[in-house]
Amino acid sequence: MLVNAKEMLIKARDGHYAVAQININNLEWTKAVLTTAQELGAPVILGVSEGAGKYMTGFKTVTAMVRAMDESLKITVPIALHLDHGTYDGCKKCVEAGFTSIMFDGSHFKIDENVEKTTELVRLAHDNGLSIEAEVGSIGGEEDGVVGAGEVADVAECQKIAALGIDFLAAGIGNIHGVYPSNWKGLAFDALENIHKGTNEIPLVLHGGTGIPEEMIKKAISLGVSKINVNTECQLTFAAATRKYIEDGGDQKSKGFDPRKLLNPGYEAIKLTCKEKFELFGSIGKA
């Protein structure tokens, strides 16, 4: 059931759990996330970066695939199709393509420009029934060419963006995209608590969910994080399962080179990763 993400994240905030955003990259990824969410009764957000959208031949292709799967798989749990780290133009394209939610990443702009562009996109999103996420304080690592050092967001800037009517806020608290380095200092929980209180408890988003210790995840949820993004971990588990299948000679057995057989171990690995995240985030049975 395709919906925007506003209601599911308010419910998560009030229920002290988090909805997983699992980024998708192809048909296998999408099917794995949708079937696991349905089996476990978990709401979920399908994240699509601009790079992934381009790889899948465009946002309209992604929308058509997701809407067709939603119908053919008889999905009844809430599903949002969400642009991840969108540019100003990318957000507009996703509204036109039929996404149900967008994220505008204006964190690399000065706050006044971030406010100006976010204001316009809030109006556009809400006029078309979409939810919208904004960002303050860049996330560490690299996402589609945008590089961040993992800055901690300024509370006053978070308040300015939250006041624009966005539905949820990604605020940097030392989190990083990709694999966390051994010298990572951890999440800035004091900042997280101050941001949540200072923004009238708007649902907060934790990007870079791969590799954060479980106790930190649970504490972040207790302090207002209602959405946690996972991408790298699915990529790693998919690659590992596919590699093992080939190294074990699976592609040499009974037409194991058939793409449907070749990609199935990775598909099952993503399903397992999704289940682990839904359990950790507390979203099973919350649809």
C-alpha atoms as a PDB file:
ATOM      1  CA  MET A   1       0.000   0.000   0.000  1.00  0.00           C
ATOM      2  CA  LEU A   2       1.801   3.089  -1.259  1.00  0.00           C
ATOM      3  CA  VAL A   3       1.473   6.111   1.025  1.00  0.00           C
ATOM      4  CA  ASN A   4       3.564   9.101   1.961  1.00  0.00           C
ATOM      5  CA  ALA A   5       5.753   8.672   5.019  1.00  0.00           C
ATOM      6  CA  LYS A   6       4.361  11.326   7.368  1.00  0.00           C
ATOM      7  CA  GLU A   7       1.830   9.240   9.281  1.00  0.00           C
ATOM      8  CA  MET A   8       4.065   6.171   9.627  1.00  0.00           C
ATOM      9  CA  LEU A   9       6.877   8.269  11.110  1.00  0.00           C
ATOM     10  CA  ILE A  10       4.649  10.114  13.563  1.00  0.00           C
ATOM     11  CA  LYS A  11       3.340   6.715  14.673  1.00  0.00           C
ATOM     12  CA  ALA A  12       6.930   5.458  15.013  1.00  0.00           C
ATOM     13  CA  ARG A  13       7.983   8.511  17.025  1.00  0.00           C
ATOM     14  CA  ASP A  14       5.070   8.143  19.415  1.00  0.00           C
ATOM     15  CA  GLY A  15       5.546   4.373  19.637  1.00  0.00           C
ATOM     16  CA  HIS A  16       9.306   4.617  20.247  1.00  0.00           C
ATOM     17  CA  TYR A  17      10.443   2.534  17.288  1.00  0.00           C
ATOM     18  CA  ALA A  18      11.921   3.414  13.900  1.00  0.00           C
ATOM     19  CA  VAL A  19      10.834   2.740  10.333  1.00  0.00           C
ATOM     20  CA  ALA A  20      13.577   1.377   8.107  1.00  0.00           C
ATOM     21  CA  GLN A  21      14.442   3.064   4.860  1.00  0.00           C
ATOM     22  CA  ILE A  22      15.990   0.376   2.689  1.00  0.00           C
ATOM     23  CA  ASN A  23      17.531   1.727  -0.491  1.00  0.00           C
ATOM     24  CA  ILE A  24      16.693  -0.185  -3.661  1.00  0.00           C
ATOM     25  CA  ASN A  25      18.879  -0.672  -6.727  1.00  0.00           C
ATOM     26  CA  ASN A  26      16.986  -3.101  -8.973  1.00  0.00           C
ATOM     27  CA  LEU A  27      14.058  -5.515  -9.163  1.00  0.00           C
ATOM     28  CA  GLU A  28      15.598  -8.052  -6.759  1.00  0.00           C
ATOM     29  CA  TRP A  29      16.228  -5.386  -4.121  1.00  0.00           C
ATOM     30  CA  THR A  30      12.680  -4.053  -4.402  1.00  0.00           C
ATOM     31  CA  LYS A  31      11.011  -7.462  -4.292  1.00  0.00           C
ATOM     32  CA  ALA A  32      13.132  -8.514  -1.296  1.00  0.00           C
ATOM     33  CA  VAL A  33      12.186  -5.436   0.726  1.00  0.00           C
ATOM     34  CA  LEU A  34       8.490  -5.544  -0.126  1.00  0.00           C
ATOM     35  CA  THR A  35       8.020  -9.262   0.541  1.00  0.00           C
ATOM     36  CA  THR A  36       9.896  -9.114   3.852  1.00  0.00           C
ATOM     37  CA  ALA A  37       7.926  -6.094   5.031  1.00  0.00           C
ATOM     38  CA  GLN A  38       4.669  -7.824   4.137  1.00  0.00           C
ATOM     39  CA  GLU A  39       5.672 -11.100   5.816  1.00  0.00           C
ATOM     40  CA  LEU A  40       6.618  -9.301   9.058  1.00  0.00           C
ATOM     41  CA  GLY A  41       3.927  -6.651   9.095  1.00  0.00           C
ATOM     42  CA  ALA A  42       6.452  -3.831   9.070  1.00  0.00           C
ATOM     43  CA  PRO A  43       6.021  -0.415   7.457  1.00  0.00           C
ATOM     44  CA  VAL A  44       8.984   0.437   5.241  1.00  0.00           C
ATOM     45  CA  ILE A  45      10.394   3.201   3.080  1.00  0.00           C
ATOM     46  CA  LEU A  46      11.956   2.387  -0.284  1.00  0.00           C
ATOM     47  CA  GLY A  47      14.851   4.797  -0.714  1.00  0.00           C
ATOM     48  CA  VAL A  48      16.031   5.720  -4.203  1.00  0.00           C
ATOM     49  CA  SER A  49      19.148   7.823  -4.722  1.00  0.00           C
ATOM     50  CA  GLU A  50      19.433   9.872  -7.890  1.00  0.00           C
ATOM     51  CA  GLY A  51      22.224   7.563  -9.027  1.00  0.00           C
ATOM     52  CA  ALA A  52      20.084   4.465  -8.502  1.00  0.00           C
ATOM     53  CA  GLY A  53      17.191   6.142 -10.281  1.00  0.00           C
ATOM     54  CA  LYS A  54      19.398   6.860 -13.276  1.00  0.00           C
ATOM     55  CA  TYR A  55      20.699   3.268 -13.246  1.00  0.00           C
ATOM     56  CA  MET A  56      17.123   1.973 -13.368  1.00  0.00           C
ATOM     57  CA  THR A  57      16.539   4.223 -16.446  1.00  0.00           C
ATOM     58  CA  GLY A  58      14.702   6.989 -14.621  1.00  0.00           C
ATOM     59  CA  PHE A  59      12.301   7.805 -11.816  1.00  0.00           C
ATOM     60  CA  LYS A  60       9.235   6.961 -13.913  1.00  0.00           C
ATOM     61  CA  THR A  61      10.574   3.432 -14.420  1.00  0.00           C
ATOM     62  CA  VAL A  62      11.109   3.085 -10.665  1.00  0.00           C
ATOM     63  CA  THR A  63       7.600   4.306  -9.894  1.00  0.00           C
ATOM     64  CA  ALA A  64       6.041   1.959 -12.442  1.00  0.00           C
ATOM     65  CA  MET A  65       7.986  -1.023 -11.069  1.00  0.00           C
ATOM     66  CA  VAL A  66       7.123  -0.291  -7.434  1.00  0.00           C
ATOM     67  CA  ARG A  67       3.453   0.370  -8.125  1.00  0.00           C
ATOM     68  CA  ALA A  68       3.161  -2.826 -10.185  1.00  0.00           C
ATOM     69  CA  MET A  69       4.865  -4.889  -7.456  1.00  0.00           C
ATOM     70  CA  ASP A  70       2.687  -3.303  -4.787  1.00  0.00           C
ATOM     71  CA  GLU A  71      -0.347  -4.553  -6.695  1.00  0.00           C
ATOM     72  CA  SER A  72       0.948  -7.946  -7.852  1.00  0.00           C
ATOM     73  CA  LEU A  73       2.414  -8.900  -4.460  1.00  0.00           C
ATOM     74  CA  LYS A  74      -0.771  -7.694  -2.728  1.00  0.00           C
ATOM     75  CA  ILE A  75       1.157  -5.491  -0.313  1.00  0.00           C
ATOM     76  CA  THR A  76      -1.029  -4.240   2.538  1.00  0.00           C
ATOM     77  CA  VAL A  77       1.613  -2.733   4.840  1.00  0.00           C
ATOM     78  CA  PRO A  78       2.407   0.994   4.409  1.00  0.00           C
ATOM     79  CA  ILE A  79       5.138   1.562   1.816  1.00  0.00           C
ATOM     80  CA  ALA A  80       6.620   4.937   0.881  1.00  0.00           C
ATOM     81  CA  LEU A  81       8.631   5.509  -2.299  1.00  0.00           C
ATOM     82  CA  HIS A  82      11.163   8.129  -1.262  1.00  0.00           C
ATOM     83  CA  LEU A  83      13.893  10.111  -3.012  1.00  0.00           C
ATOM     84  CA  ASP A  84      17.111   9.915  -1.005  1.00  0.00           C
ATOM     85  CA  HIS A  85      19.480  12.928  -0.879  1.00  0.00           C
ATOM     86  CA  GLY A  86      17.661  14.666  -3.668  1.00  0.00           C
ATOM     87  CA  THR A  87      18.783  17.767  -5.485  1.00  0.00           C
ATOM     88  CA  TYR A  88      16.355  20.615  -6.091  1.00  0.00           C
ATOM     89  CA  ASP A  89      15.728  19.429  -9.681  1.00  0.00           C
ATOM     90  CA  GLY A  90      15.667  15.772  -8.628  1.00  0.00           C
ATOM     91  CA  CYS A  91      12.894  16.487  -6.145  1.00  0.00           C
ATOM     92  CA  LYS A  92      10.781  18.109  -8.833  1.00  0.00           C
ATOM     93  CA  LYS A  93      11.311  15.159 -11.164  1.00  0.00           C
ATOM     94  CA  CYS A  94      10.216  12.684  -8.470  1.00  0.00           C
ATOM     95  CA  VAL A  95       7.050  14.639  -7.785  1.00  0.00           C
ATOM     96  CA  GLU A  96       6.270  14.431 -11.507  1.00  0.00           C
ATOM     97  CA  ALA A  97       7.181  10.737 -11.630  1.00  0.00           C
ATOM     98  CA  GLY A  98       4.722   9.775  -8.901  1.00  0.00           C
ATOM     99  CA  PHE A  99       6.938   9.200  -5.871  1.00  0.00           C
ATOM    100  CA  THR A 100       5.115   9.460  -2.542  1.00  0.00           C
ATOM    101  CA  SER A 101       7.921  11.160  -0.609  1.00  0.00           C
ATOM    102  CA  ILE A 102      11.046  13.213  -1.294  1.00  0.00           C
ATOM    103  CA  MET A 103      14.167  14.344   0.508  1.00  0.00           C
ATOM    104  CA  PHE A 104      15.816  17.622  -0.351  1.00  0.00           C
ATOM    105  CA  ASP A 105      19.442  17.646   0.729  1.00  0.00           C
ATOM    106  CA  GLY A 106      20.314  21.313   1.045  1.00  0.00           C
ATOM    107  CA  SER A 107      22.902  20.703   3.748  1.00  0.00           C
ATOM    108  CA  HIS A 108      25.772  21.818   1.513  1.00  0.00           C
ATOM    109  CA  PHE A 109      24.142  25.222   0.966  1.00  0.00           C
ATOM    110  CA  LYS A 110      24.338  28.141   3.378  1.00  0.00           C
ATOM    111  CA  ILE A 111      21.347  28.061   5.701  1.00  0.00           C
ATOM    112  CA  ASP A 112      19.481  30.912   3.954  1.00  0.00           C
ATOM    113  CA  GLU A 113      19.635  29.134   0.594  1.00  0.00           C
ATOM    114  CA  ASN A 114      18.685  25.834   2.228  1.00  0.00           C
ATOM    115  CA  VAL A 115      15.659  27.585   3.738  1.00  0.00           C
ATOM    116  CA  GLU A 116      14.683  29.215   0.443  1.00  0.00           C
ATOM    117  CA  LYS A 117      14.814  26.022  -1.612  1.00  0.00           C
ATOM    118  CA  THR A 118      13.228  23.873   1.116  1.00  0.00           C
ATOM    119  CA  THR A 119      10.335  26.344   1.439  1.00  0.00           C
ATOM    120  CA  GLU A 120       9.466  25.995  -2.246  1.00  0.00           C
ATOM    121  CA  LEU A 121       9.778  22.192  -2.209  1.00  0.00           C
ATOM    122  CA  VAL A 122       7.625  21.858   0.929  1.00  0.00           C
ATOM    123  CA  ARG A 123       4.847  23.670  -0.906  1.00  0.00           C
ATOM    124  CA  LEU A 124       5.300  21.528  -4.023  1.00  0.00           C
ATOM    125  CA  ALA A 125       5.387  18.264  -2.070  1.00  0.00           C
ATOM    126  CA  HIS A 126       2.372  19.005   0.086  1.00  0.00           C
ATOM    127  CA  ASP A 127       0.313  20.324  -2.837  1.00  0.00           C
ATOM    128  CA  ASN A 128       0.853  16.920  -4.470  1.00  0.00           C
ATOM    129  CA  GLY A 129       0.302  14.796  -1.359  1.00  0.00           C
ATOM    130  CA  LEU A 130       3.948  13.876  -0.758  1.00  0.00           C
ATOM    131  CA  SER A 131       5.887  13.956   2.494  1.00  0.00           C
ATOM    132  CA  ILE A 132       9.214  15.775   2.550  1.00  0.00           C
ATOM    133  CA  GLU A 133      12.472  15.328   4.452  1.00  0.00           C
ATOM    134  CA  ALA A 134      15.145  18.014   4.713  1.00  0.00           C
ATOM    135  CA  GLU A 135      18.713  17.945   5.985  1.00  0.00           C
ATOM    136  CA  VAL A 136      20.866  20.125   8.225  1.00  0.00           C
ATOM    137  CA  GLY A 137      24.487  19.284   9.003  1.00  0.00           C
ATOM    138  CA  SER A 138      26.022  17.075   6.337  1.00  0.00           C
ATOM    139  CA  ILE A 139      26.261  13.321   6.806  1.00  0.00           C
ATOM    140  CA  GLY A 140      29.771  11.883   6.701  1.00  0.00           C
ATOM    141  CA  GLY A 141      31.069   9.877   3.766  1.00  0.00           C
ATOM    142  CA  GLU A 142      29.844  10.085   0.175  1.00  0.00           C
ATOM    143  CA  GLU A 143      26.369   9.764  -1.293  1.00  0.00           C
ATOM    144  CA  ASP A 144      26.016  10.255  -5.056  1.00  0.00           C
ATOM    145  CA  GLY A 145      29.006  12.577  -5.168  1.00  0.00           C
ATOM    146  CA  VAL A 146      28.017  14.656  -2.142  1.00  0.00           C
ATOM    147  CA  VAL A 147      30.825  14.366   0.416  1.00  0.00           C
ATOM    148  CA  GLY A 148      30.322  15.151   4.099  1.00  0.00           C
ATOM    149  CA  ALA A 149      32.646  15.022   7.068  1.00  0.00           C
ATOM    150  CA  GLY A 150      29.985  14.046   9.588  1.00  0.00           C
ATOM    151  CA  GLU A 151      29.315  17.467  11.082  1.00  0.00           C
ATOM    152  CA  VAL A 152      26.979  17.910  14.027  1.00  0.00           C
ATOM    153  CA  ALA A 153      24.002  20.031  13.026  1.00  0.00           C
ATOM    154  CA  ASP A 154      23.380  23.412  14.632  1.00  0.00           C
ATOM    155  CA  VAL A 155      20.183  23.441  16.692  1.00  0.00           C
ATOM    156  CA  ALA A 156      19.172  26.935  15.556  1.00  0.00           C
ATOM    157  CA  GLU A 157      19.519  25.917  11.900  1.00  0.00           C
ATOM    158  CA  CYS A 158      17.472  22.777  12.549  1.00  0.00           C
ATOM    159  CA  GLN A 159      14.746  24.954  14.061  1.00  0.00           C
ATOM    160  CA  LYS A 160      14.687  27.182  10.975  1.00  0.00           C
ATOM    161  CA  ILE A 161      14.276  24.219   8.628  1.00  0.00           C
ATOM    162  CA  ALA A 162      11.767  22.380  10.827  1.00  0.00           C
ATOM    163  CA  ALA A 163       9.606  25.517  11.029  1.00  0.00           C
ATOM    164  CA  LEU A 164       9.085  25.419   7.252  1.00  0.00           C
ATOM    165  CA  GLY A 165       6.581  22.572   7.554  1.00  0.00           C
ATOM    166  CA  ILE A 166       8.795  19.638   6.599  1.00  0.00           C
ATOM    167  CA  ASP A 167       7.572  16.238   7.782  1.00  0.00           C
ATOM    168  CA  PHE A 168      10.857  14.788   9.076  1.00  0.00           C
ATOM    169  CA  LEU A 169      14.390  16.032   9.520  1.00  0.00           C
ATOM    170  CA  ALA A 170      17.818  14.524   8.858  1.00  0.00           C
ATOM    171  CA  ALA A 171      20.199  16.233  11.269  1.00  0.00           C
ATOM    172  CA  GLY A 172      23.867  15.353  11.278  1.00  0.00           C
ATOM    173  CA  ILE A 173      24.989  13.903  14.613  1.00  0.00           C
ATOM    174  CA  GLY A 174      28.329  12.425  13.581  1.00  0.00           C
ATOM    175  CA  ASN A 175      26.831   9.656  11.438  1.00  0.00           C
ATOM    176  CA  ILE A 176      28.576   8.494   8.265  1.00  0.00           C
ATOM    177  CA  HIS A 177      27.519   6.899   4.967  1.00  0.00           C
ATOM    178  CA  GLY A 178      29.220   3.617   4.152  1.00  0.00           C
ATOM    179  CA  VAL A 179      31.471   1.559   6.433  1.00  0.00           C
ATOM    180  CA  TYR A 180      32.407   3.293   9.689  1.00  0.00           C
ATOM    181  CA  PRO A 181      36.149   3.757  10.310  1.00  0.00           C
ATOM    182  CA  SER A 182      37.798   2.214  13.371  1.00  0.00           C
ATOM    183  CA  ASN A 183      38.440   5.655  14.874  1.00  0.00           C
ATOM    184  CA  TRP A 184      34.802   6.806  14.606  1.00  0.00           C
ATOM    185  CA  LYS A 185      33.805   8.781  17.702  1.00  0.00           C
ATOM    186  CA  GLY A 186      30.197   7.626  17.817  1.00  0.00           C
ATOM    187  CA  LEU A 187      26.885   9.480  17.699  1.00  0.00           C
ATOM    188  CA  ALA A 188      26.505  12.853  19.402  1.00  0.00           C
ATOM    189  CA  PHE A 189      23.561  12.031  21.669  1.00  0.00           C
ATOM    190  CA  ASP A 190      23.540  15.373  23.475  1.00  0.00           C
ATOM    191  CA  ALA A 191      23.106  17.106  20.135  1.00  0.00           C
ATOM    192  CA  LEU A 192      20.386  14.646  19.115  1.00  0.00           C
ATOM    193  CA  GLU A 193      18.444  15.301  22.312  1.00  0.00           C
ATOM    194  CA  ASN A 194      18.755  19.088  21.943  1.00  0.00           C
ATOM    195  CA  ILE A 195      17.705  18.972  18.288  1.00  0.00           C
ATOM    196  CA  HIS A 196      14.635  16.879  19.046  1.00  0.00           C
ATOM    197  CA  LYS A 197      13.513  19.153  21.855  1.00  0.00           C
ATOM    198  CA  GLY A 198      14.340  22.291  19.885  1.00  0.00           C
ATOM    199  CA  THR A 199      12.286  21.258  16.841  1.00  0.00           C
ATOM    200  CA  ASN A 200       9.059  20.465  18.686  1.00  0.00           C
ATOM    201  CA  GLU A 201       9.912  16.761  18.522  1.00  0.00           C
ATOM    202  CA  ILE A 202       9.724  16.451  14.744  1.00  0.00           C
ATOM    203  CA  PRO A 203      10.494  12.861  13.623  1.00  0.00           C
ATOM    204  CA  LEU A 204      14.237  12.646  13.110  1.00  0.00           C
ATOM    205  CA  VAL A 205      16.174  10.608  10.547  1.00  0.00           C
ATOM    206  CA  LEU A 206      19.418   8.719  11.096  1.00  0.00           C
ATOM    207  CA  HIS A 207      21.338   8.311   7.852  1.00  0.00           C
ATOM    208  CA  GLY A 208      24.240   5.878   7.618  1.00  0.00           C
ATOM    209  CA  GLY A 209      22.554   3.104   9.606  1.00  0.00           C
ATOM    210  CA  THR A 210      25.038   0.432   8.507  1.00  0.00           C
ATOM    211  CA  GLY A 211      27.600  -0.400  11.174  1.00  0.00           C
ATOM    212  CA  ILE A 212      26.237   1.648  14.068  1.00  0.00           C
ATOM    213  CA  PRO A 213      26.328  -0.539  17.216  1.00  0.00           C
ATOM    214  CA  GLU A 214      22.955  -1.865  18.334  1.00  0.00           C
ATOM    215  CA  GLU A 215      23.028  -0.046  21.675  1.00  0.00           C
ATOM    216  CA  MET A 216      23.574   3.272  19.861  1.00  0.00           C
ATOM    217  CA  ILE A 217      20.684   2.523  17.496  1.00  0.00           C
ATOM    218  CA  LYS A 218      18.351   1.830  20.406  1.00  0.00           C
ATOM    219  CA  LYS A 219      19.447   4.953  22.274  1.00  0.00           C
ATOM    220  CA  ALA A 220      18.980   7.086  19.158  1.00  0.00           C
ATOM    221  CA  ILE A 221      15.425   5.754  18.792  1.00  0.00           C
ATOM    222  CA  SER A 222      14.708   6.589  22.429  1.00  0.00           C
ATOM    223  CA  LEU A 223      15.830  10.177  21.744  1.00  0.00           C
ATOM    224  CA  GLY A 224      13.556  10.802  18.776  1.00  0.00           C
ATOM    225  CA  VAL A 225      14.954   9.001  15.736  1.00  0.00           C
ATOM    226  CA  SER A 226      11.964   7.601  13.843  1.00  0.00           C
ATOM    227  CA  LYS A 227      13.570   6.632  10.519  1.00  0.00           C
ATOM    228  CA  ILE A 228      16.882   4.842   9.957  1.00  0.00           C
ATOM    229  CA  ASN A 229      18.458   4.449   6.521  1.00  0.00           C
ATOM    230  CA  VAL A 230      20.165   1.234   5.418  1.00  0.00           C
ATOM    231  CA  ASN A 231      21.947   0.805   2.099  1.00  0.00           C
ATOM    232  CA  THR A 232      25.579  -0.275   2.382  1.00  0.00           C
ATOM    233  CA  GLU A 233      24.753  -3.335   4.489  1.00  0.00           C
ATOM    234  CA  CYS A 234      22.399  -4.695   1.837  1.00  0.00           C
ATOM    235  CA  GLN A 235      25.038  -4.122  -0.813  1.00  0.00           C
ATOM    236  CA  LEU A 236      27.628  -5.981   1.270  1.00  0.00           C
ATOM    237  CA  THR A 237      25.378  -8.949   2.051  1.00  0.00           C
ATOM    238  CA  PHE A 238      24.183  -9.172  -1.569  1.00  0.00           C
ATOM    239  CA  ALA A 239      27.773  -9.183  -2.842  1.00  0.00           C
ATOM    240  CA  ALA A 240      28.925 -11.746  -0.267  1.00  0.00           C
ATOM    241  CA  ALA A 241      26.069 -14.158  -0.997  1.00  0.00           C
ATOM    242  CA  THR A 242      26.567 -13.870  -4.757  1.00  0.00           C
ATOM    243  CA  ARG A 243      30.325 -14.386  -4.422  1.00  0.00           C
ATOM    244  CA  LYS A 244      29.833 -17.487  -2.262  1.00  0.00           C
ATOM    245  CA  TYR A 245      27.345 -18.946  -4.744  1.00  0.00           C
ATOM    246  CA  ILE A 246      29.846 -18.625  -7.594  1.00  0.00           C
ATOM    247  CA  GLU A 247      32.871 -19.746  -5.574  1.00  0.00           C
ATOM    248  CA  ASP A 248      30.926 -22.829  -4.465  1.00  0.00           C
ATOM    249  CA  GLY A 249      30.240 -23.640  -8.122  1.00  0.00           C
ATOM    250  CA  GLY A 250      26.531 -22.933  -7.996  1.00  0.00           C
ATOM    251  CA  ASP A 251      26.620 -21.344 -11.425  1.00  0.00           C
ATOM    252  CA  GLN A 252      27.960 -24.628 -12.861  1.00  0.00           C
ATOM    253  CA  LYS A 253      25.137 -26.791 -11.524  1.00  0.00           C
ATOM    254  CA  SER A 254      21.830 -27.387 -13.280  1.00  0.00           C
ATOM    255  CA  LYS A 255      21.806 -24.150 -15.253  1.00  0.00           C
ATOM    256  CA  GLY A 256      22.868 -22.215 -12.180  1.00  0.00           C
ATOM    257  CA  PHE A 257      24.018 -19.460 -14.516  1.00  0.00           C
ATOM    258  CA  ASP A 258      20.359 -18.584 -15.100  1.00  0.00           C
ATOM    259  CA  PRO A 259      20.081 -14.988 -13.752  1.00  0.00           C
ATOM    260  CA  ARG A 260      17.123 -15.967 -11.617  1.00  0.00           C
ATOM    261  CA  LYS A 261      19.257 -18.591  -9.881  1.00  0.00           C
ATOM    262  CA  LEU A 262      22.436 -16.519  -9.889  1.00  0.00           C
ATOM    263  CA  LEU A 263      20.759 -13.553  -8.169  1.00  0.00           C
ATOM    264  CA  ASN A 264      18.622 -15.558  -5.745  1.00  0.00           C
ATOM    265  CA  PRO A 265      21.264 -15.956  -2.975  1.00  0.00           C
ATOM    266  CA  GLY A 266      21.715 -12.184  -2.929  1.00  0.00           C
ATOM    267  CA  TYR A 267      17.948 -11.708  -2.883  1.00  0.00           C
ATOM    268  CA  GLU A 268      17.626 -14.009   0.137  1.00  0.00           C
ATOM    269  CA  ALA A 269      20.536 -12.208   1.847  1.00  0.00           C
ATOM    270  CA  ILE A 270      18.765  -8.865   1.496  1.00  0.00           C
ATOM    271  CA  LYS A 271      15.592 -10.374   2.949  1.00  0.00           C
ATOM    272  CA  LEU A 272      17.569 -11.574   5.966  1.00  0.00           C
ATOM    273  CA  THR A 273      19.211  -8.170   6.400  1.00  0.00           C
ATOM    274  CA  CYS A 274      15.810  -6.465   6.241  1.00  0.00           C
ATOM    275  CA  LYS A 275      14.427  -8.815   8.881  1.00  0.00           C
ATOM    276  CA  GLU A 276      17.383  -8.092  11.167  1.00  0.00           C
ATOM    277  CA  LYS A 277      16.868  -4.341  10.783  1.00  0.00           C
ATOM    278  CA  PHE A 278      13.113  -4.496  11.318  1.00  0.00           C
ATOM    279  CA  GLU A 279      13.738  -6.457  14.522  1.00  0.00           C
ATOM    280  CA  LEU A 280      16.424  -4.060  15.744  1.00  0.00           C
ATOM    281  CA  PHE A 281      14.357  -0.971  14.929  1.00  0.00           C
ATOM    282  CA  GLY A 282      11.261  -2.432  16.603  1.00  0.00           C
ATOM    283  CA  SER A 283       8.975  -2.062  13.561  1.00  0.00           C
ATOM    284  CA  ILE A 284       7.758  -5.671  13.167  1.00  0.00           C
ATOM    285  CA  GLY A 285       3.989  -5.864  13.503  1.00  0.00           C
ATOM    286  CA  LYS A 286       3.626  -2.060  13.492  1.00  0.00           C
ATOM    287  CA  ALA A 287       1.984  -1.746  10.069  1.00  0.00           C
END
